[in-house]
Amino acid sequence: MTHLLRKSLPLPTALLAVSLGACTTLGPMPATTGIAMAPAGRPEFEVRGGYVPGYFLSSAVREEASGAPLSEVSAIVEPDRLLHLPGLFVGARYAGSPGQGAALEPTLGYRTALGAERQ
């Protein structure tokens, strides 16, 4: 079996697949990113702060799941025509409170408009 895996899955691909795995805390998790779904259509830099809905993952197995607002600070950069990458954005966010398992999360995404009217 190992011989078959070596032939069908080259080492760089296997390393990439392993590196994409991640762990998460059982602390409060934000339920949304707060990132706009439509591309800006121009180079853009956003910094946001506020509250997002969140919950503890352990509350998902209870009959009465409880959520709470989580504080969040985030920054997003969409280089658009500066790098000839319209729709691509990178950034990071910090959500939660330090005493309850807050984490810094990197963000990488792509936004595009659909349809003839580009909405």
PDB file of N, CA and C in Angstrom:
ATOM      1  N   MET A   1       0.821  -1.200   0.000  1.00  0.00           N
ATOM      2  CA  MET A   1       0.000   0.000   0.000  1.00  0.00           C
ATOM      3  C   MET A   1       0.862   1.261   0.000  1.00  0.00           C
ATOM      4  N   THR A   2       1.924   1.255   0.804  1.00  0.00           N
ATOM      5  CA  THR A   2       2.798   2.419   0.872  1.00  0.00           C
ATOM      6  C   THR A   2       3.438   2.687  -0.484  1.00  0.00           C
ATOM      7  N   HIS A   3       3.804   1.628  -1.185  1.00  0.00           N
ATOM      8  CA  HIS A   3       4.397   1.768  -2.511  1.00  0.00           C
ATOM      9  C   HIS A   3       3.434   2.481  -3.473  1.00  0.00           C
ATOM     10  N   LEU A   4       2.137   2.160  -3.391  1.00  0.00           N
ATOM     11  CA  LEU A   4       1.141   2.809  -4.241  1.00  0.00           C
ATOM     12  C   LEU A   4       1.009   4.293  -3.909  1.00  0.00           C
ATOM     13  N   LEU A   5       1.052   4.639  -2.624  1.00  0.00           N
ATOM     14  CA  LEU A   5       0.950   6.049  -2.228  1.00  0.00           C
ATOM     15  C   LEU A   5       2.150   6.846  -2.727  1.00  0.00           C
ATOM     16  N   ARG A   6       3.322   6.262  -2.664  1.00  0.00           N
ATOM     17  CA  ARG A   6       4.507   6.975  -3.134  1.00  0.00           C
ATOM     18  C   ARG A   6       4.435   7.267  -4.620  1.00  0.00           C
ATOM     19  N   LYS A   7       3.874   6.354  -5.391  1.00  0.00           N
ATOM     20  CA  LYS A   7       3.767   6.557  -6.831  1.00  0.00           C
ATOM     21  C   LYS A   7       2.669   7.556  -7.184  1.00  0.00           C
ATOM     22  N   SER A   8       1.558   7.526  -6.463  1.00  0.00           N
ATOM     23  CA  SER A   8       0.426   8.365  -6.840  1.00  0.00           C
ATOM     24  C   SER A   8       0.448   9.743  -6.188  1.00  0.00           C
ATOM     25  N   LEU A   9       1.181   9.938  -5.113  1.00  0.00           N
ATOM     26  CA  LEU A   9       1.186  11.211  -4.402  1.00  0.00           C
ATOM     27  C   LEU A   9       2.617  11.694  -4.227  1.00  0.00           C
ATOM     28  N   PRO A  10       3.086  12.600  -5.100  1.00  0.00           N
ATOM     29  CA  PRO A  10       4.466  13.086  -4.979  1.00  0.00           C
ATOM     30  C   PRO A  10       4.688  13.784  -3.641  1.00  0.00           C
ATOM     31  N   LEU A  11       5.914  13.794  -3.194  1.00  0.00           N
ATOM     32  CA  LEU A  11       6.271  14.366  -1.903  1.00  0.00           C
ATOM     33  C   LEU A  11       5.828  15.822  -1.741  1.00  0.00           C
ATOM     34  N   PRO A  12       6.055  16.727  -2.711  1.00  0.00           N
ATOM     35  CA  PRO A  12       5.602  18.115  -2.525  1.00  0.00           C
ATOM     36  C   PRO A  12       4.087  18.219  -2.296  1.00  0.00           C
ATOM     37  N   THR A  13       3.318  17.401  -2.999  1.00  0.00           N
ATOM     38  CA  THR A  13       1.865  17.416  -2.828  1.00  0.00           C
ATOM     39  C   THR A  13       1.488  16.920  -1.448  1.00  0.00           C
ATOM     40  N   ALA A  14       2.140  15.871  -0.992  1.00  0.00           N
ATOM     41  CA  ALA A  14       1.865  15.330   0.341  1.00  0.00           C
ATOM     42  C   ALA A  14       2.217  16.351   1.416  1.00  0.00           C
ATOM     43  N   LEU A  15       3.357  17.025   1.281  1.00  0.00           N
ATOM     44  CA  LEU A  15       3.749  18.043   2.253  1.00  0.00           C
ATOM     45  C   LEU A  15       2.769  19.212   2.275  1.00  0.00           C
ATOM     46  N   LEU A  16       2.289  19.613   1.112  1.00  0.00           N
ATOM     47  CA  LEU A  16       1.304  20.684   1.045  1.00  0.00           C
ATOM     48  C   LEU A  16       0.017  20.275   1.750  1.00  0.00           C
ATOM     49  N   ALA A  17      -0.444  19.060   1.513  1.00  0.00           N
ATOM     50  CA  ALA A  17      -1.680  18.578   2.136  1.00  0.00           C
ATOM     51  C   ALA A  17      -1.551  18.536   3.656  1.00  0.00           C
ATOM     52  N   VAL A  18      -0.412  18.096   4.150  1.00  0.00           N
ATOM     53  CA  VAL A  18      -0.198  18.034   5.598  1.00  0.00           C
ATOM     54  C   VAL A  18      -0.109  19.438   6.191  1.00  0.00           C
ATOM     55  N   SER A  19       0.521  20.375   5.491  1.00  0.00           N
ATOM     56  CA  SER A  19       0.688  21.726   6.028  1.00  0.00           C
ATOM     57  C   SER A  19      -0.612  22.524   6.047  1.00  0.00           C
ATOM     58  N   LEU A  20      -1.617  22.107   5.283  1.00  0.00           N
ATOM     59  CA  LEU A  20      -2.884  22.829   5.270  1.00  0.00           C
ATOM     60  C   LEU A  20      -3.784  22.464   6.443  1.00  0.00           C
ATOM     61  N   GLY A  21      -3.447  21.425   7.164  1.00  0.00           N
ATOM     62  CA  GLY A  21      -4.231  21.028   8.328  1.00  0.00           C
ATOM     63  C   GLY A  21      -4.049  22.044   9.445  1.00  0.00           C
ATOM     64  N   ALA A  22      -5.047  22.165  10.292  1.00  0.00           N
ATOM     65  CA  ALA A  22      -4.957  23.134  11.379  1.00  0.00           C
ATOM     66  C   ALA A  22      -5.697  22.623  12.596  1.00  0.00           C
ATOM     67  N   CYS A  23      -5.360  23.172  13.727  1.00  0.00           N
ATOM     68  CA  CYS A  23      -6.047  22.860  14.978  1.00  0.00           C
ATOM     69  C   CYS A  23      -6.810  24.098  15.407  1.00  0.00           C
ATOM     70  N   THR A  24      -7.789  23.891  16.253  1.00  0.00           N
ATOM     71  CA  THR A  24      -8.557  25.015  16.750  1.00  0.00           C
ATOM     72  C   THR A  24      -8.732  24.877  18.251  1.00  0.00           C
ATOM     73  N   THR A  25      -9.001  25.955  18.880  1.00  0.00           N
ATOM     74  CA  THR A  25      -9.267  25.949  20.304  1.00  0.00           C
ATOM     75  C   THR A  25     -10.730  25.603  20.543  1.00  0.00           C
ATOM     76  N   LEU A  26     -11.033  25.104  21.705  1.00  0.00           N
ATOM     77  CA  LEU A  26     -12.429  24.854  22.056  1.00  0.00           C
ATOM     78  C   LEU A  26     -13.042  26.095  22.702  1.00  0.00           C
ATOM     79  N   GLY A  27     -12.303  27.177  22.697  1.00  0.00           N
ATOM     80  CA  GLY A  27     -12.805  28.430  23.240  1.00  0.00           C
ATOM     81  C   GLY A  27     -13.843  29.038  22.319  1.00  0.00           C
ATOM     82  N   PRO A  28     -14.208  30.271  22.551  1.00  0.00           N
ATOM     83  CA  PRO A  28     -15.244  30.901  21.727  1.00  0.00           C
ATOM     84  C   PRO A  28     -14.797  31.052  20.279  1.00  0.00           C
ATOM     85  N   MET A  29     -15.676  30.706  19.349  1.00  0.00           N
ATOM     86  CA  MET A  29     -15.391  30.776  17.914  1.00  0.00           C
ATOM     87  C   MET A  29     -16.305  31.802  17.269  1.00  0.00           C
ATOM     88  N   PRO A  30     -15.762  32.738  16.488  1.00  0.00           N
ATOM     89  CA  PRO A  30     -16.625  33.681  15.769  1.00  0.00           C
ATOM     90  C   PRO A  30     -17.459  32.947  14.729  1.00  0.00           C
ATOM     91  N   ALA A  31     -18.704  33.333  14.596  1.00  0.00           N
ATOM     92  CA  ALA A  31     -19.603  32.672  13.652  1.00  0.00           C
ATOM     93  C   ALA A  31     -19.521  33.270  12.254  1.00  0.00           C
ATOM     94  N   THR A  32     -18.873  34.389  12.087  1.00  0.00           N
ATOM     95  CA  THR A  32     -18.793  35.046  10.787  1.00  0.00           C
ATOM     96  C   THR A  32     -17.469  35.801  10.673  1.00  0.00           C
ATOM     97  N   THR A  33     -17.035  36.054   9.443  1.00  0.00           N
ATOM     98  CA  THR A  33     -15.777  36.783   9.242  1.00  0.00           C
ATOM     99  C   THR A  33     -15.977  38.289   9.202  1.00  0.00           C
ATOM    100  N   GLY A  34     -17.153  38.736   8.803  1.00  0.00           N
ATOM    101  CA  GLY A  34     -17.395  40.170   8.676  1.00  0.00           C
ATOM    102  C   GLY A  34     -16.772  40.767   7.426  1.00  0.00           C
ATOM    103  N   ILE A  35     -16.307  39.946   6.491  1.00  0.00           N
ATOM    104  CA  ILE A  35     -15.684  40.425   5.254  1.00  0.00           C
ATOM    105  C   ILE A  35     -16.762  40.557   4.180  1.00  0.00           C
ATOM    106  N   ALA A  36     -16.772  41.669   3.468  1.00  0.00           N
ATOM    107  CA  ALA A  36     -17.744  41.877   2.392  1.00  0.00           C
ATOM    108  C   ALA A  36     -17.575  40.826   1.313  1.00  0.00           C
ATOM    109  N   MET A  37     -18.685  40.400   0.721  1.00  0.00           N
ATOM    110  CA  MET A  37     -18.609  39.348  -0.299  1.00  0.00           C
ATOM    111  C   MET A  37     -18.260  39.884  -1.678  1.00  0.00           C
ATOM    112  N   ALA A  38     -18.467  41.156  -1.925  1.00  0.00           N
ATOM    113  CA  ALA A  38     -18.207  41.722  -3.251  1.00  0.00           C
ATOM    114  C   ALA A  38     -16.817  42.352  -3.295  1.00  0.00           C
ATOM    115  N   PRO A  39     -16.117  42.226  -4.421  1.00  0.00           N
ATOM    116  CA  PRO A  39     -14.801  42.864  -4.537  1.00  0.00           C
ATOM    117  C   PRO A  39     -14.928  44.383  -4.541  1.00  0.00           C
ATOM    118  N   ALA A  40     -13.887  45.049  -4.088  1.00  0.00           N
ATOM    119  CA  ALA A  40     -13.911  46.512  -4.022  1.00  0.00           C
ATOM    120  C   ALA A  40     -13.817  47.138  -5.412  1.00  0.00           C
ATOM    121  N   GLY A  41     -13.117  46.483  -6.343  1.00  0.00           N
ATOM    122  CA  GLY A  41     -12.953  47.048  -7.677  1.00  0.00           C
ATOM    123  C   GLY A  41     -11.850  48.086  -7.761  1.00  0.00           C
ATOM    124  N   ARG A  42     -11.092  48.213  -6.691  1.00  0.00           N
ATOM    125  CA  ARG A  42      -9.975  49.161  -6.613  1.00  0.00           C
ATOM    126  C   ARG A  42      -9.068  48.678  -5.482  1.00  0.00           C
ATOM    127  N   PRO A  43      -7.838  49.142  -5.402  1.00  0.00           N
ATOM    128  CA  PRO A  43      -7.005  48.772  -4.255  1.00  0.00           C
ATOM    129  C   PRO A  43      -7.669  49.263  -2.967  1.00  0.00           C
ATOM    130  N   GLU A  44      -7.655  48.423  -1.946  1.00  0.00           N
ATOM    131  CA  GLU A  44      -8.380  48.764  -0.724  1.00  0.00           C
ATOM    132  C   GLU A  44      -7.655  48.204   0.495  1.00  0.00           C
ATOM    133  N   PHE A  45      -7.713  48.956   1.577  1.00  0.00           N
ATOM    134  CA  PHE A  45      -7.185  48.535   2.872  1.00  0.00           C
ATOM    135  C   PHE A  45      -8.272  48.791   3.901  1.00  0.00           C
ATOM    136  N   GLU A  46      -8.697  47.750   4.614  1.00  0.00           N
ATOM    137  CA  GLU A  46      -9.759  47.884   5.621  1.00  0.00           C
ATOM    138  C   GLU A  46      -9.216  47.505   6.988  1.00  0.00           C
ATOM    139  N   VAL A  47      -9.601  48.270   7.994  1.00  0.00           N
ATOM    140  CA  VAL A  47      -9.339  47.922   9.385  1.00  0.00           C
ATOM    141  C   VAL A  47     -10.673  48.024  10.091  1.00  0.00           C
ATOM    142  N   ARG A  48     -11.040  46.959  10.788  1.00  0.00           N
ATOM    143  CA  ARG A  48     -12.341  46.933  11.461  1.00  0.00           C
ATOM    144  C   ARG A  48     -12.170  46.503  12.903  1.00  0.00           C
ATOM    145  N   GLY A  49     -13.084  46.962  13.704  1.00  0.00           N
ATOM    146  CA  GLY A  49     -13.171  46.526  15.086  1.00  0.00           C
ATOM    147  C   GLY A  49     -14.632  46.489  15.476  1.00  0.00           C
ATOM    148  N   GLY A  50     -14.993  45.574  16.323  1.00  0.00           N
ATOM    149  CA  GLY A  50     -16.379  45.501  16.757  1.00  0.00           C
ATOM    150  C   GLY A  50     -16.676  44.175  17.398  1.00  0.00           C
ATOM    151  N   TYR A  51     -17.932  43.789  17.332  1.00  0.00           N
ATOM    152  CA  TYR A  51     -18.382  42.530  17.914  1.00  0.00           C
ATOM    153  C   TYR A  51     -18.996  41.653  16.828  1.00  0.00           C
ATOM    154  N   VAL A  52     -18.718  40.367  16.891  1.00  0.00           N
ATOM    155  CA  VAL A  52     -19.299  39.395  15.974  1.00  0.00           C
ATOM    156  C   VAL A  52     -19.973  38.310  16.813  1.00  0.00           C
ATOM    157  N   PRO A  53     -21.015  37.657  16.251  1.00  0.00           N
ATOM    158  CA  PRO A  53     -21.627  36.562  17.002  1.00  0.00           C
ATOM    159  C   PRO A  53     -20.649  35.403  17.146  1.00  0.00           C
ATOM    160  N   GLY A  54     -20.659  34.756  18.288  1.00  0.00           N
ATOM    161  CA  GLY A  54     -19.762  33.636  18.514  1.00  0.00           C
ATOM    162  C   GLY A  54     -20.350  32.652  19.503  1.00  0.00           C
ATOM    163  N   TYR A  55     -19.697  31.506  19.626  1.00  0.00           N
ATOM    164  CA  TYR A  55     -20.161  30.471  20.544  1.00  0.00           C
ATOM    165  C   TYR A  55     -18.995  29.562  20.892  1.00  0.00           C
ATOM    166  N   PHE A  56     -19.143  28.814  21.980  1.00  0.00           N
ATOM    167  CA  PHE A  56     -18.176  27.797  22.332  1.00  0.00           C
ATOM    168  C   PHE A  56     -18.511  26.538  21.542  1.00  0.00           C
ATOM    169  N   LEU A  57     -17.507  25.867  20.980  1.00  0.00           N
ATOM    170  CA  LEU A  57     -17.761  24.645  20.217  1.00  0.00           C
ATOM    171  C   LEU A  57     -18.436  23.584  21.089  1.00  0.00           C
ATOM    172  N   SER A  58     -18.126  23.575  22.370  1.00  0.00           N
ATOM    173  CA  SER A  58     -18.732  22.590  23.251  1.00  0.00           C
ATOM    174  C   SER A  58     -20.236  22.802  23.412  1.00  0.00           C
ATOM    175  N   SER A  59     -20.735  24.009  23.134  1.00  0.00           N
ATOM    176  CA  SER A  59     -22.173  24.261  23.275  1.00  0.00           C
ATOM    177  C   SER A  59     -22.956  23.660  22.109  1.00  0.00           C
ATOM    178  N   ALA A  60     -22.292  23.210  21.063  1.00  0.00           N
ATOM    179  CA  ALA A  60     -22.981  22.623  19.912  1.00  0.00           C
ATOM    180  C   ALA A  60     -23.600  21.270  20.242  1.00  0.00           C
ATOM    181  N   VAL A  61     -23.144  20.621  21.295  1.00  0.00           N
ATOM    182  CA  VAL A  61     -23.684  19.313  21.655  1.00  0.00           C
ATOM    183  C   VAL A  61     -24.726  19.393  22.775  1.00  0.00           C
ATOM    184  N   ARG A  62     -25.041  20.588  23.187  1.00  0.00           N
ATOM    185  CA  ARG A  62     -26.057  20.764  24.225  1.00  0.00           C
ATOM    186  C   ARG A  62     -27.408  21.043  23.595  1.00  0.00           C
ATOM    187  N   GLU A  63     -28.442  20.764  24.349  1.00  0.00           N
ATOM    188  CA  GLU A  63     -29.783  21.037  23.847  1.00  0.00           C
ATOM    189  C   GLU A  63     -30.027  22.538  23.704  1.00  0.00           C
ATOM    190  N   GLU A  64     -29.505  23.298  24.640  1.00  0.00           N
ATOM    191  CA  GLU A  64     -29.657  24.757  24.599  1.00  0.00           C
ATOM    192  C   GLU A  64     -28.299  25.385  24.304  1.00  0.00           C
ATOM    193  N   ALA A  65     -27.991  25.545  23.042  1.00  0.00           N
ATOM    194  CA  ALA A  65     -26.718  26.170  22.659  1.00  0.00           C
ATOM    195  C   ALA A  65     -26.759  27.649  23.019  1.00  0.00           C
ATOM    196  N   SER A  66     -25.663  28.143  23.563  1.00  0.00           N
ATOM    197  CA  SER A  66     -25.634  29.555  23.941  1.00  0.00           C
ATOM    198  C   SER A  66     -24.498  30.259  23.207  1.00  0.00           C
ATOM    199  N   GLY A  67     -24.784  31.431  22.752  1.00  0.00           N
ATOM    200  CA  GLY A  67     -23.786  32.238  22.048  1.00  0.00           C
ATOM    201  C   GLY A  67     -23.564  33.542  22.784  1.00  0.00           C
ATOM    202  N   ALA A  68     -22.559  34.268  22.361  1.00  0.00           N
ATOM    203  CA  ALA A  68     -22.245  35.551  22.985  1.00  0.00           C
ATOM    204  C   ALA A  68     -21.484  36.399  21.973  1.00  0.00           C
ATOM    205  N   PRO A  69     -21.570  37.719  22.108  1.00  0.00           N
ATOM    206  CA  PRO A  69     -20.773  38.564  21.209  1.00  0.00           C
ATOM    207  C   PRO A  69     -19.289  38.459  21.553  1.00  0.00           C
ATOM    208  N   LEU A  70     -18.460  38.373  20.525  1.00  0.00           N
ATOM    209  CA  LEU A  70     -17.009  38.329  20.692  1.00  0.00           C
ATOM    210  C   LEU A  70     -16.405  39.591  20.108  1.00  0.00           C
ATOM    211  N   SER A  71     -15.448  40.162  20.809  1.00  0.00           N
ATOM    212  CA  SER A  71     -14.759  41.323  20.251  1.00  0.00           C
ATOM    213  C   SER A  71     -13.825  40.848  19.139  1.00  0.00           C
ATOM    214  N   GLU A  72     -13.676  41.680  18.110  1.00  0.00           N
ATOM    215  CA  GLU A  72     -12.847  41.315  16.961  1.00  0.00           C
ATOM    216  C   GLU A  72     -12.164  42.557  16.408  1.00  0.00           C
ATOM    217  N   VAL A  73     -10.912  42.398  16.038  1.00  0.00           N
ATOM    218  CA  VAL A  73     -10.152  43.422  15.316  1.00  0.00           C
ATOM    219  C   VAL A  73      -9.579  42.726  14.092  1.00  0.00           C
ATOM    220  N   SER A  74      -9.756  43.321  12.907  1.00  0.00           N
ATOM    221  CA  SER A  74      -9.242  42.682  11.695  1.00  0.00           C
ATOM    222  C   SER A  74      -8.730  43.716  10.707  1.00  0.00           C
ATOM    223  N   ALA A  75      -7.865  43.255   9.824  1.00  0.00           N
ATOM    224  CA  ALA A  75      -7.332  44.090   8.746  1.00  0.00           C
ATOM    225  C   ALA A  75      -7.292  43.254   7.474  1.00  0.00           C
ATOM    226  N   ILE A  76      -7.744  43.854   6.362  1.00  0.00           N
ATOM    227  CA  ILE A  76      -7.790  43.184   5.059  1.00  0.00           C
ATOM    228  C   ILE A  76      -7.150  44.109   4.026  1.00  0.00           C
ATOM    229  N   VAL A  77      -6.336  43.537   3.150  1.00  0.00           N
ATOM    230  CA  VAL A  77      -5.739  44.279   2.036  1.00  0.00           C
ATOM    231  C   VAL A  77      -6.163  43.598   0.744  1.00  0.00           C
ATOM    232  N   GLU A  78      -6.741  44.384  -0.169  1.00  0.00           N
ATOM    233  CA  GLU A  78      -7.073  43.892  -1.508  1.00  0.00           C
ATOM    234  C   GLU A  78      -6.244  44.712  -2.497  1.00  0.00           C
ATOM    235  N   PRO A  79      -5.149  44.135  -3.047  1.00  0.00           N
ATOM    236  CA  PRO A  79      -4.251  44.908  -3.904  1.00  0.00           C
ATOM    237  C   PRO A  79      -4.837  45.275  -5.264  1.00  0.00           C
ATOM    238  N   ASP A  80      -5.792  44.513  -5.766  1.00  0.00           N
ATOM    239  CA  ASP A  80      -6.475  44.754  -7.034  1.00  0.00           C
ATOM    240  C   ASP A  80      -5.476  45.058  -8.149  1.00  0.00           C
ATOM    241  N   ARG A  81      -5.596  46.204  -8.790  1.00  0.00           N
ATOM    242  CA  ARG A  81      -4.770  46.499  -9.970  1.00  0.00           C
ATOM    243  C   ARG A  81      -3.311  46.821  -9.636  1.00  0.00           C
ATOM    244  N   LEU A  82      -2.984  47.071  -8.363  1.00  0.00           N
ATOM    245  CA  LEU A  82      -1.584  47.322  -8.012  1.00  0.00           C
ATOM    246  C   LEU A  82      -0.710  46.106  -8.308  1.00  0.00           C
ATOM    247  N   LEU A  83      -1.253  44.915  -8.099  1.00  0.00           N
ATOM    248  CA  LEU A  83      -0.531  43.673  -8.386  1.00  0.00           C
ATOM    249  C   LEU A  83      -1.208  42.863  -9.483  1.00  0.00           C
ATOM    250  N   HIS A  84      -2.177  43.443 -10.153  1.00  0.00           N
ATOM    251  CA  HIS A  84      -2.946  42.765 -11.209  1.00  0.00           C
ATOM    252  C   HIS A  84      -3.614  41.487 -10.679  1.00  0.00           C
ATOM    253  N   LEU A  85      -4.194  41.588  -9.474  1.00  0.00           N
ATOM    254  CA  LEU A  85      -4.877  40.467  -8.835  1.00  0.00           C
ATOM    255  C   LEU A  85      -6.246  40.914  -8.328  1.00  0.00           C
ATOM    256  N   PRO A  86      -7.166  41.272  -9.215  1.00  0.00           N
ATOM    257  CA  PRO A  86      -8.474  41.750  -8.760  1.00  0.00           C
ATOM    258  C   PRO A  86      -9.241  40.662  -8.009  1.00  0.00           C
ATOM    259  N   GLY A  87      -9.767  41.023  -6.849  1.00  0.00           N
ATOM    260  CA  GLY A  87     -10.559  40.104  -6.051  1.00  0.00           C
ATOM    261  C   GLY A  87      -9.794  39.373  -4.971  1.00  0.00           C
ATOM    262  N   LEU A  88      -8.470  39.253  -5.100  1.00  0.00           N
ATOM    263  CA  LEU A  88      -7.672  38.562  -4.098  1.00  0.00           C
ATOM    264  C   LEU A  88      -7.510  39.458  -2.875  1.00  0.00           C
ATOM    265  N   PHE A  89      -7.653  38.897  -1.671  1.00  0.00           N
ATOM    266  CA  PHE A  89      -7.394  39.680  -0.465  1.00  0.00           C
ATOM    267  C   PHE A  89      -6.644  38.843   0.556  1.00  0.00           C
ATOM    268  N   VAL A  90      -5.857  39.511   1.384  1.00  0.00           N
ATOM    269  CA  VAL A  90      -5.124  38.881   2.479  1.00  0.00           C
ATOM    270  C   VAL A  90      -5.342  39.724   3.723  1.00  0.00           C
ATOM    271  N   GLY A  91      -5.214  39.112   4.854  1.00  0.00           N
ATOM    272  CA  GLY A  91      -5.394  39.855   6.089  1.00  0.00           C
ATOM    273  C   GLY A  91      -5.264  38.953   7.299  1.00  0.00           C
ATOM    274  N   ALA A  92      -5.750  39.462   8.427  1.00  0.00           N
ATOM    275  CA  ALA A  92      -5.730  38.713   9.677  1.00  0.00           C
ATOM    276  C   ALA A  92      -6.786  39.294  10.601  1.00  0.00           C
ATOM    277  N   ARG A  93      -7.201  38.467  11.558  1.00  0.00           N
ATOM    278  CA  ARG A  93      -8.128  38.959  12.579  1.00  0.00           C
ATOM    279  C   ARG A  93      -7.766  38.352  13.919  1.00  0.00           C
ATOM    280  N   TYR A  94      -8.116  39.086  14.959  1.00  0.00           N
ATOM    281  CA  TYR A  94      -7.934  38.642  16.337  1.00  0.00           C
ATOM    282  C   TYR A  94      -9.309  38.717  16.968  1.00  0.00           C
ATOM    283  N   ALA A  95      -9.846  37.576  17.374  1.00  0.00           N
ATOM    284  CA  ALA A  95     -11.201  37.534  17.915  1.00  0.00           C
ATOM    285  C   ALA A  95     -11.213  36.857  19.269  1.00  0.00           C
ATOM    286  N   GLY A  96     -12.043  37.371  20.164  1.00  0.00           N
ATOM    287  CA  GLY A  96     -12.194  36.804  21.496  1.00  0.00           C
ATOM    288  C   GLY A  96     -11.409  37.592  22.521  1.00  0.00           C
ATOM    289  N   SER A  97     -11.377  37.077  23.725  1.00  0.00           N
ATOM    290  CA  SER A  97     -10.620  37.737  24.793  1.00  0.00           C
ATOM    291  C   SER A  97      -9.453  36.836  25.192  1.00  0.00           C
ATOM    292  N   PRO A  98      -8.329  37.443  25.587  1.00  0.00           N
ATOM    293  CA  PRO A  98      -7.143  36.648  25.905  1.00  0.00           C
ATOM    294  C   PRO A  98      -7.380  35.575  26.970  1.00  0.00           C
ATOM    295  N   GLY A  99      -8.279  35.813  27.908  1.00  0.00           N
ATOM    296  CA  GLY A  99      -8.529  34.849  28.968  1.00  0.00           C
ATOM    297  C   GLY A  99      -9.366  33.662  28.542  1.00  0.00           C
ATOM    298  N   GLN A 100      -9.963  33.709  27.360  1.00  0.00           N
ATOM    299  CA  GLN A 100     -10.838  32.626  26.922  1.00  0.00           C
ATOM    300  C   GLN A 100     -10.398  31.997  25.605  1.00  0.00           C
ATOM    301  N   GLY A 101      -9.146  32.051  25.290  1.00  0.00           N
ATOM    302  CA  GLY A 101      -8.652  31.358  24.105  1.00  0.00           C
ATOM    303  C   GLY A 101      -8.751  32.138  22.814  1.00  0.00           C
ATOM    304  N   ALA A 102      -8.544  33.440  22.861  1.00  0.00           N
ATOM    305  CA  ALA A 102      -8.557  34.238  21.638  1.00  0.00           C
ATOM    306  C   ALA A 102      -7.390  33.830  20.750  1.00  0.00           C
ATOM    307  N   ALA A 103      -7.556  34.034  19.448  1.00  0.00           N
ATOM    308  CA  ALA A 103      -6.509  33.620  18.518  1.00  0.00           C
ATOM    309  C   ALA A 103      -6.378  34.598  17.371  1.00  0.00           C
ATOM    310  N   LEU A 104      -5.159  34.712  16.854  1.00  0.00           N
ATOM    311  CA  LEU A 104      -4.889  35.473  15.645  1.00  0.00           C
ATOM    312  C   LEU A 104      -5.059  34.525  14.470  1.00  0.00           C
ATOM    313  N   GLU A 105      -5.931  34.869  13.525  1.00  0.00           N
ATOM    314  CA  GLU A 105      -6.231  33.993  12.391  1.00  0.00           C
ATOM    315  C   GLU A 105      -5.852  34.685  11.082  1.00  0.00           C
ATOM    316  N   PRO A 106      -4.986  34.072  10.277  1.00  0.00           N
ATOM    317  CA  PRO A 106      -4.680  34.632   8.954  1.00  0.00           C
ATOM    318  C   PRO A 106      -5.864  34.437   8.015  1.00  0.00           C
ATOM    319  N   THR A 107      -6.000  35.315   7.033  1.00  0.00           N
ATOM    320  CA  THR A 107      -7.102  35.246   6.075  1.00  0.00           C
ATOM    321  C   THR A 107      -6.542  35.384   4.667  1.00  0.00           C
ATOM    322  N   LEU A 108      -6.983  34.518   3.775  1.00  0.00           N
ATOM    323  CA  LEU A 108      -6.635  34.588   2.356  1.00  0.00           C
ATOM    324  C   LEU A 108      -7.904  34.235   1.602  1.00  0.00           C
ATOM    325  N   GLY A 109      -8.302  35.070   0.654  1.00  0.00           N
ATOM    326  CA  GLY A 109      -9.545  34.796  -0.053  1.00  0.00           C
ATOM    327  C   GLY A 109      -9.604  35.437  -1.423  1.00  0.00           C
ATOM    328  N   TYR A 110     -10.705  35.169  -2.086  1.00  0.00           N
ATOM    329  CA  TYR A 110     -10.948  35.702  -3.427  1.00  0.00           C
ATOM    330  C   TYR A 110     -12.413  36.093  -3.513  1.00  0.00           C
ATOM    331  N   ARG A 111     -12.675  37.293  -3.991  1.00  0.00           N
ATOM    332  CA  ARG A 111     -14.047  37.771  -4.173  1.00  0.00           C
ATOM    333  C   ARG A 111     -14.253  38.098  -5.647  1.00  0.00           C
ATOM    334  N   THR A 112     -15.454  37.806  -6.148  1.00  0.00           N
ATOM    335  CA  THR A 112     -15.788  38.150  -7.521  1.00  0.00           C
ATOM    336  C   THR A 112     -17.280  38.459  -7.623  1.00  0.00           C
ATOM    337  N   ALA A 113     -17.658  39.185  -8.637  1.00  0.00           N
ATOM    338  CA  ALA A 113     -19.057  39.502  -8.883  1.00  0.00           C
ATOM    339  C   ALA A 113     -19.577  38.553  -9.932  1.00  0.00           C
ATOM    340  N   LEU A 114     -20.871  38.255  -9.846  1.00  0.00           N
ATOM    341  CA  LEU A 114     -21.498  37.326 -10.790  1.00  0.00           C
ATOM    342  C   LEU A 114     -22.519  38.033 -11.655  1.00  0.00           C
ATOM    343  N   GLY A 115     -22.796  37.474 -12.824  1.00  0.00           N
ATOM    344  CA  GLY A 115     -23.848  37.990 -13.693  1.00  0.00           C
ATOM    345  C   GLY A 115     -23.396  39.108 -14.599  1.00  0.00           C
ATOM    346  N   ALA A 116     -24.284  39.473 -15.517  1.00  0.00           N
ATOM    347  CA  ALA A 116     -23.973  40.522 -16.495  1.00  0.00           C
ATOM    348  C   ALA A 116     -23.836  41.896 -15.849  1.00  0.00           C
ATOM    349  N   GLU A 117     -24.560  42.117 -14.759  1.00  0.00           N
ATOM    350  CA  GLU A 117     -24.503  43.416 -14.084  1.00  0.00           C
ATOM    351  C   GLU A 117     -23.388  43.499 -13.037  1.00  0.00           C
ATOM    352  N   ARG A 118     -22.619  42.414 -12.882  1.00  0.00           N
ATOM    353  CA  ARG A 118     -21.487  42.358 -11.957  1.00  0.00           C
ATOM    354  C   ARG A 118     -21.892  42.738 -10.530  1.00  0.00           C
ATOM    355  N   GLN A 119     -22.972  42.144 -10.054  1.00  0.00           N
ATOM    356  CA  GLN A 119     -23.449  42.429  -8.692  1.00  0.00           C
ATOM    357  C   GLN A 119     -23.094  41.315  -7.758  1.00  0.00           C
TER     358      GLN A 119
END
